[in-house]
């Protein structure tokens, strides 16, 4: 049975896969390529930074890395919303990706608060 951290790792991996798929579809125009690059960096780094947080060497290091995860998720949410509103992917709805970004952000934000309160 997986623990919560492993389950969250799996969610971040699935999220990164979705981001890769979305950005692959966007490569048809110069604007699409530029926005895809931004989203690809922030959307995939959130999971990588979460893995770094899991291996943190101290509570301060853990907290710092979680805050980076949260920052990357906020950036990803911005890019997803921009792509959705500008209708770059008319045939592809981004509602699920936007919802997952918000949910992961809420989980990490709560973890940051919990980590800060344990000092």
N, C-alpha and C. Protein backbone atom coordinates (compact mmCIF):
# COMPACT_ATOMS: atom_id res chain seq x y z
N UNK A 1 0.84 -1.19 0.00
CA UNK A 1 0.00 0.00 0.00
C UNK A 1 0.88 1.25 0.00
N UNK A 2 0.57 2.16 -0.90
CA UNK A 2 1.34 3.39 -1.03
C UNK A 2 0.99 4.38 0.07
N UNK A 3 1.99 5.12 0.54
CA UNK A 3 1.71 6.19 1.49
C UNK A 3 1.28 7.44 0.71
N UNK A 4 0.88 8.47 1.46
CA UNK A 4 0.36 9.69 0.82
C UNK A 4 1.41 10.37 -0.05
N UNK A 5 2.66 10.37 0.41
CA UNK A 5 3.72 11.01 -0.37
C UNK A 5 3.92 10.29 -1.70
N UNK A 6 3.86 8.96 -1.70
CA UNK A 6 3.99 8.20 -2.94
C UNK A 6 2.80 8.46 -3.86
N UNK A 7 1.61 8.54 -3.29
CA UNK A 7 0.42 8.83 -4.09
C UNK A 7 0.52 10.21 -4.73
N UNK A 8 1.02 11.18 -3.96
CA UNK A 8 1.18 12.53 -4.49
C UNK A 8 2.26 12.56 -5.58
N UNK A 9 3.31 11.79 -5.39
CA UNK A 9 4.35 11.66 -6.43
C UNK A 9 3.74 11.13 -7.72
N UNK A 10 2.90 10.12 -7.59
CA UNK A 10 2.23 9.56 -8.77
C UNK A 10 1.34 10.59 -9.45
N UNK A 11 0.68 11.41 -8.66
CA UNK A 11 -0.17 12.46 -9.22
C UNK A 11 0.66 13.49 -9.96
N UNK A 12 1.80 13.87 -9.37
CA UNK A 12 2.68 14.82 -10.05
C UNK A 12 3.22 14.25 -11.35
N UNK A 13 3.51 12.96 -11.37
CA UNK A 13 3.99 12.33 -12.59
C UNK A 13 2.90 12.33 -13.66
N UNK A 14 1.69 11.96 -13.28
CA UNK A 14 0.56 11.98 -14.23
C UNK A 14 0.30 13.40 -14.73
N UNK A 15 0.43 14.38 -13.83
CA UNK A 15 0.25 15.78 -14.19
C UNK A 15 1.31 16.19 -15.22
N UNK A 16 2.56 15.81 -14.99
CA UNK A 16 3.63 16.15 -15.93
C UNK A 16 3.38 15.51 -17.29
N UNK A 17 2.88 14.28 -17.31
CA UNK A 17 2.54 13.61 -18.57
C UNK A 17 1.46 14.42 -19.30
N UNK A 18 0.44 14.87 -18.58
CA UNK A 18 -0.61 15.68 -19.20
C UNK A 18 -0.04 16.97 -19.77
N UNK A 19 0.86 17.61 -19.04
CA UNK A 19 1.49 18.84 -19.52
C UNK A 19 2.28 18.57 -20.79
N UNK A 20 3.03 17.47 -20.83
CA UNK A 20 3.79 17.11 -22.04
C UNK A 20 2.84 16.93 -23.22
N UNK A 21 1.73 16.24 -22.99
CA UNK A 21 0.76 16.01 -24.07
C UNK A 21 0.15 17.33 -24.56
N UNK A 22 -0.21 18.19 -23.63
CA UNK A 22 -0.79 19.49 -23.99
C UNK A 22 0.21 20.31 -24.79
N UNK A 23 1.44 20.40 -24.30
CA UNK A 23 2.43 21.24 -24.98
C UNK A 23 2.82 20.67 -26.34
N UNK A 24 2.77 19.38 -26.50
CA UNK A 24 3.06 18.76 -27.80
C UNK A 24 2.03 19.21 -28.84
N UNK A 25 0.79 19.34 -28.42
CA UNK A 25 -0.28 19.79 -29.33
C UNK A 25 -0.13 21.26 -29.73
N UNK A 26 0.60 22.02 -28.96
CA UNK A 26 0.68 23.47 -29.17
C UNK A 26 1.78 23.90 -30.13
N UNK A 27 2.57 23.01 -30.62
CA UNK A 27 3.78 23.36 -31.38
C UNK A 27 3.51 23.82 -32.82
N UNK A 28 2.27 24.07 -33.18
CA UNK A 28 1.94 24.40 -34.57
C UNK A 28 2.24 25.85 -34.96
N UNK A 29 2.29 26.75 -34.00
CA UNK A 29 2.52 28.17 -34.31
C UNK A 29 3.67 28.69 -33.43
N UNK A 30 4.20 29.83 -33.83
CA UNK A 30 5.28 30.45 -33.04
C UNK A 30 4.78 30.77 -31.63
N UNK A 31 3.60 31.35 -31.51
CA UNK A 31 3.03 31.65 -30.19
C UNK A 31 2.83 30.38 -29.39
N UNK A 32 2.29 29.36 -30.05
CA UNK A 32 2.09 28.08 -29.39
C UNK A 32 3.38 27.49 -28.88
N UNK A 33 4.45 27.58 -29.68
CA UNK A 33 5.75 27.06 -29.26
C UNK A 33 6.28 27.81 -28.05
N UNK A 34 6.15 29.13 -28.06
CA UNK A 34 6.65 29.95 -26.94
C UNK A 34 5.89 29.63 -25.65
N UNK A 35 4.57 29.61 -25.73
CA UNK A 35 3.76 29.31 -24.55
C UNK A 35 3.96 27.88 -24.09
N UNK A 36 4.10 26.97 -25.04
CA UNK A 36 4.33 25.56 -24.69
C UNK A 36 5.63 25.41 -23.91
N UNK A 37 6.66 26.12 -24.33
CA UNK A 37 7.94 26.05 -23.61
C UNK A 37 7.82 26.52 -22.18
N UNK A 38 7.10 27.62 -21.98
CA UNK A 38 6.90 28.15 -20.63
C UNK A 38 6.14 27.14 -19.77
N UNK A 39 5.04 26.62 -20.31
CA UNK A 39 4.22 25.67 -19.57
C UNK A 39 4.98 24.36 -19.32
N UNK A 40 5.72 23.91 -20.30
CA UNK A 40 6.47 22.67 -20.14
C UNK A 40 7.47 22.78 -19.00
N UNK A 41 8.17 23.90 -18.92
CA UNK A 41 9.15 24.09 -17.84
C UNK A 41 8.49 24.13 -16.46
N UNK A 42 7.46 24.96 -16.31
CA UNK A 42 6.85 25.09 -14.98
C UNK A 42 6.02 23.85 -14.62
N UNK A 43 5.32 23.28 -15.59
CA UNK A 43 4.45 22.15 -15.31
C UNK A 43 5.18 20.87 -14.96
N UNK A 44 6.35 20.67 -15.55
CA UNK A 44 7.10 19.46 -15.24
C UNK A 44 8.03 19.66 -14.04
N UNK A 45 8.45 20.90 -13.80
CA UNK A 45 9.37 21.13 -12.67
C UNK A 45 8.67 21.02 -11.32
N UNK A 46 7.36 21.21 -11.29
CA UNK A 46 6.67 21.10 -10.01
C UNK A 46 6.83 19.69 -9.43
N UNK A 47 6.70 18.67 -10.27
CA UNK A 47 6.87 17.30 -9.81
C UNK A 47 8.32 16.99 -9.44
N UNK A 48 9.24 17.49 -10.24
CA UNK A 48 10.67 17.27 -9.94
C UNK A 48 11.04 17.94 -8.61
N UNK A 49 10.54 19.13 -8.39
CA UNK A 49 10.82 19.82 -7.13
C UNK A 49 10.15 19.14 -5.94
N UNK A 50 8.98 18.55 -6.18
CA UNK A 50 8.34 17.79 -5.10
C UNK A 50 9.22 16.61 -4.70
N UNK A 51 9.80 15.94 -5.68
CA UNK A 51 10.69 14.82 -5.38
C UNK A 51 11.92 15.30 -4.60
N UNK A 52 12.43 16.48 -4.96
CA UNK A 52 13.54 17.04 -4.20
C UNK A 52 13.12 17.34 -2.76
N UNK A 53 11.92 17.84 -2.58
CA UNK A 53 11.43 18.13 -1.23
C UNK A 53 11.35 16.86 -0.39
N UNK A 54 10.96 15.77 -1.02
CA UNK A 54 10.87 14.49 -0.31
C UNK A 54 12.24 14.05 0.21
N UNK A 55 13.29 14.46 -0.47
CA UNK A 55 14.63 14.09 -0.04
C UNK A 55 15.37 15.22 0.66
N UNK A 56 14.62 16.19 1.16
CA UNK A 56 15.24 17.37 1.80
C UNK A 56 16.11 16.95 2.98
N UNK A 57 17.14 17.75 3.20
CA UNK A 57 18.11 17.45 4.25
C UNK A 57 17.75 18.07 5.60
N UNK A 58 16.78 18.98 5.59
CA UNK A 58 16.35 19.61 6.84
C UNK A 58 14.92 20.10 6.66
N UNK A 59 14.32 20.50 7.76
CA UNK A 59 12.96 21.05 7.69
C UNK A 59 12.95 22.34 6.87
N UNK A 60 13.98 23.17 7.04
CA UNK A 60 14.06 24.42 6.27
C UNK A 60 14.20 24.13 4.78
N UNK A 61 15.01 23.15 4.44
CA UNK A 61 15.19 22.75 3.05
C UNK A 61 13.88 22.21 2.48
N UNK A 62 13.19 21.39 3.25
CA UNK A 62 11.89 20.85 2.86
C UNK A 62 10.90 21.97 2.57
N UNK A 63 10.80 22.91 3.48
CA UNK A 63 9.88 24.03 3.34
C UNK A 63 10.23 24.87 2.10
N UNK A 64 11.51 25.14 1.93
CA UNK A 64 11.95 25.93 0.77
C UNK A 64 11.56 25.24 -0.54
N UNK A 65 11.80 23.95 -0.62
CA UNK A 65 11.49 23.20 -1.84
C UNK A 65 9.98 23.12 -2.09
N UNK A 66 9.20 22.97 -1.02
CA UNK A 66 7.73 22.97 -1.18
C UNK A 66 7.25 24.32 -1.71
N UNK A 67 7.87 25.39 -1.25
CA UNK A 67 7.48 26.72 -1.72
C UNK A 67 7.82 26.89 -3.20
N UNK A 68 8.89 26.26 -3.66
CA UNK A 68 9.22 26.29 -5.09
C UNK A 68 8.16 25.51 -5.88
N UNK A 69 7.74 24.36 -5.35
CA UNK A 69 6.67 23.58 -6.00
C UNK A 69 5.43 24.45 -6.15
N UNK A 70 5.06 25.14 -5.10
CA UNK A 70 3.88 26.00 -5.13
C UNK A 70 4.04 27.12 -6.16
N UNK A 71 5.22 27.71 -6.21
CA UNK A 71 5.50 28.77 -7.19
C UNK A 71 5.35 28.24 -8.61
N UNK A 72 5.88 27.07 -8.88
CA UNK A 72 5.80 26.49 -10.22
C UNK A 72 4.36 26.14 -10.59
N UNK A 73 3.59 25.67 -9.62
CA UNK A 73 2.18 25.36 -9.89
C UNK A 73 1.39 26.64 -10.19
N UNK A 74 1.69 27.70 -9.46
CA UNK A 74 1.00 28.98 -9.75
C UNK A 74 1.34 29.47 -11.14
N UNK A 75 2.61 29.34 -11.53
CA UNK A 75 3.00 29.74 -12.88
C UNK A 75 2.29 28.87 -13.93
N UNK A 76 2.24 27.58 -13.68
CA UNK A 76 1.57 26.67 -14.61
C UNK A 76 0.10 27.02 -14.76
N UNK A 77 -0.53 27.36 -13.65
CA UNK A 77 -1.94 27.75 -13.70
C UNK A 77 -2.12 28.97 -14.59
N UNK A 78 -1.23 29.93 -14.46
CA UNK A 78 -1.31 31.13 -15.31
C UNK A 78 -1.22 30.74 -16.79
N UNK A 79 -0.22 29.93 -17.14
CA UNK A 79 -0.05 29.55 -18.55
C UNK A 79 -1.24 28.75 -19.06
N UNK A 80 -1.74 27.84 -18.27
CA UNK A 80 -2.91 27.05 -18.68
C UNK A 80 -4.12 27.95 -18.92
N UNK A 81 -4.33 28.88 -18.01
CA UNK A 81 -5.47 29.79 -18.16
C UNK A 81 -5.31 30.68 -19.40
N UNK A 82 -4.08 31.15 -19.64
CA UNK A 82 -3.82 31.98 -20.82
C UNK A 82 -4.07 31.19 -22.10
N UNK A 83 -3.57 29.97 -22.14
CA UNK A 83 -3.75 29.12 -23.32
C UNK A 83 -5.24 28.85 -23.54
N UNK A 84 -5.96 28.58 -22.46
CA UNK A 84 -7.39 28.32 -22.55
C UNK A 84 -8.14 29.56 -23.05
N UNK A 85 -7.88 30.71 -22.44
CA UNK A 85 -8.60 31.94 -22.80
C UNK A 85 -8.27 32.41 -24.21
N UNK A 86 -7.03 32.19 -24.65
CA UNK A 86 -6.64 32.64 -25.98
C UNK A 86 -7.03 31.63 -27.07
N UNK A 87 -7.58 30.49 -26.65
CA UNK A 87 -8.10 29.46 -27.56
C UNK A 87 -7.05 28.94 -28.53
N UNK A 88 -5.82 28.82 -28.05
CA UNK A 88 -4.75 28.26 -28.88
C UNK A 88 -5.04 26.79 -29.18
N UNK A 89 -5.63 26.10 -28.22
CA UNK A 89 -6.01 24.69 -28.41
C UNK A 89 -7.53 24.59 -28.45
N UNK A 90 -8.12 25.02 -29.53
CA UNK A 90 -9.58 25.04 -29.64
C UNK A 90 -10.20 23.66 -29.49
N UNK A 91 -9.49 22.65 -30.00
CA UNK A 91 -10.03 21.28 -29.97
C UNK A 91 -9.76 20.56 -28.66
N UNK A 92 -9.03 21.19 -27.76
CA UNK A 92 -8.61 20.51 -26.52
C UNK A 92 -9.03 21.36 -25.31
N UNK A 93 -9.86 20.80 -24.48
CA UNK A 93 -10.29 21.53 -23.29
C UNK A 93 -9.26 21.35 -22.18
N UNK A 94 -8.95 22.42 -21.51
CA UNK A 94 -7.92 22.41 -20.47
C UNK A 94 -8.51 22.38 -19.07
N UNK A 95 -9.82 22.22 -18.96
CA UNK A 95 -10.48 22.25 -17.65
C UNK A 95 -9.88 21.24 -16.67
N UNK A 96 -9.61 20.02 -17.12
CA UNK A 96 -9.09 18.99 -16.22
C UNK A 96 -7.68 19.36 -15.74
N UNK A 97 -6.85 19.87 -16.64
CA UNK A 97 -5.49 20.25 -16.26
C UNK A 97 -5.51 21.45 -15.30
N UNK A 98 -6.39 22.39 -15.56
CA UNK A 98 -6.52 23.55 -14.68
C UNK A 98 -6.98 23.10 -13.30
N UNK A 99 -7.96 22.22 -13.25
CA UNK A 99 -8.47 21.71 -11.97
C UNK A 99 -7.37 20.96 -11.21
N UNK A 100 -6.62 20.11 -11.89
CA UNK A 100 -5.55 19.36 -11.23
C UNK A 100 -4.47 20.30 -10.71
N UNK A 101 -4.15 21.34 -11.47
CA UNK A 101 -3.16 22.33 -11.02
C UNK A 101 -3.63 22.99 -9.74
N UNK A 102 -4.90 23.38 -9.69
CA UNK A 102 -5.45 24.01 -8.49
C UNK A 102 -5.45 23.05 -7.31
N UNK A 103 -5.84 21.79 -7.55
CA UNK A 103 -5.87 20.81 -6.46
C UNK A 103 -4.47 20.53 -5.92
N UNK A 104 -3.51 20.33 -6.81
CA UNK A 104 -2.13 20.11 -6.35
C UNK A 104 -1.62 21.33 -5.60
N UNK A 105 -1.95 22.51 -6.09
CA UNK A 105 -1.55 23.74 -5.41
C UNK A 105 -2.14 23.83 -4.01
N UNK A 106 -3.39 23.45 -3.87
CA UNK A 106 -4.03 23.47 -2.55
C UNK A 106 -3.37 22.48 -1.59
N UNK A 107 -3.04 21.31 -2.09
CA UNK A 107 -2.37 20.30 -1.26
C UNK A 107 -1.01 20.81 -0.79
N UNK A 108 -0.25 21.36 -1.73
CA UNK A 108 1.09 21.85 -1.38
C UNK A 108 1.00 23.07 -0.46
N UNK A 109 0.06 23.96 -0.71
CA UNK A 109 -0.10 25.13 0.16
C UNK A 109 -0.42 24.70 1.59
N UNK A 110 -1.26 23.70 1.73
CA UNK A 110 -1.59 23.18 3.07
C UNK A 110 -0.35 22.55 3.71
N UNK A 111 0.45 21.86 2.91
CA UNK A 111 1.69 21.26 3.42
C UNK A 111 2.67 22.33 3.88
N UNK A 112 2.74 23.44 3.14
CA UNK A 112 3.62 24.55 3.53
C UNK A 112 3.18 25.11 4.88
N UNK A 113 1.89 25.33 5.04
CA UNK A 113 1.36 25.86 6.31
C UNK A 113 1.67 24.89 7.45
N UNK A 114 1.44 23.60 7.22
CA UNK A 114 1.72 22.60 8.23
C UNK A 114 3.20 22.58 8.59
N UNK A 115 4.06 22.63 7.58
CA UNK A 115 5.51 22.63 7.84
C UNK A 115 5.95 23.86 8.60
N UNK A 116 5.36 25.01 8.29
CA UNK A 116 5.71 26.24 9.00
C UNK A 116 5.26 26.17 10.47
N UNK A 117 4.11 25.56 10.71
CA UNK A 117 3.57 25.49 12.07
C UNK A 117 4.32 24.50 12.95
N UNK A 118 5.10 23.62 12.35
CA UNK A 118 5.83 22.61 13.11
C UNK A 118 7.21 23.09 13.55
N UNK A 119 7.56 24.31 13.26
CA UNK A 119 8.89 24.84 13.63
C UNK A 119 9.11 24.85 15.11
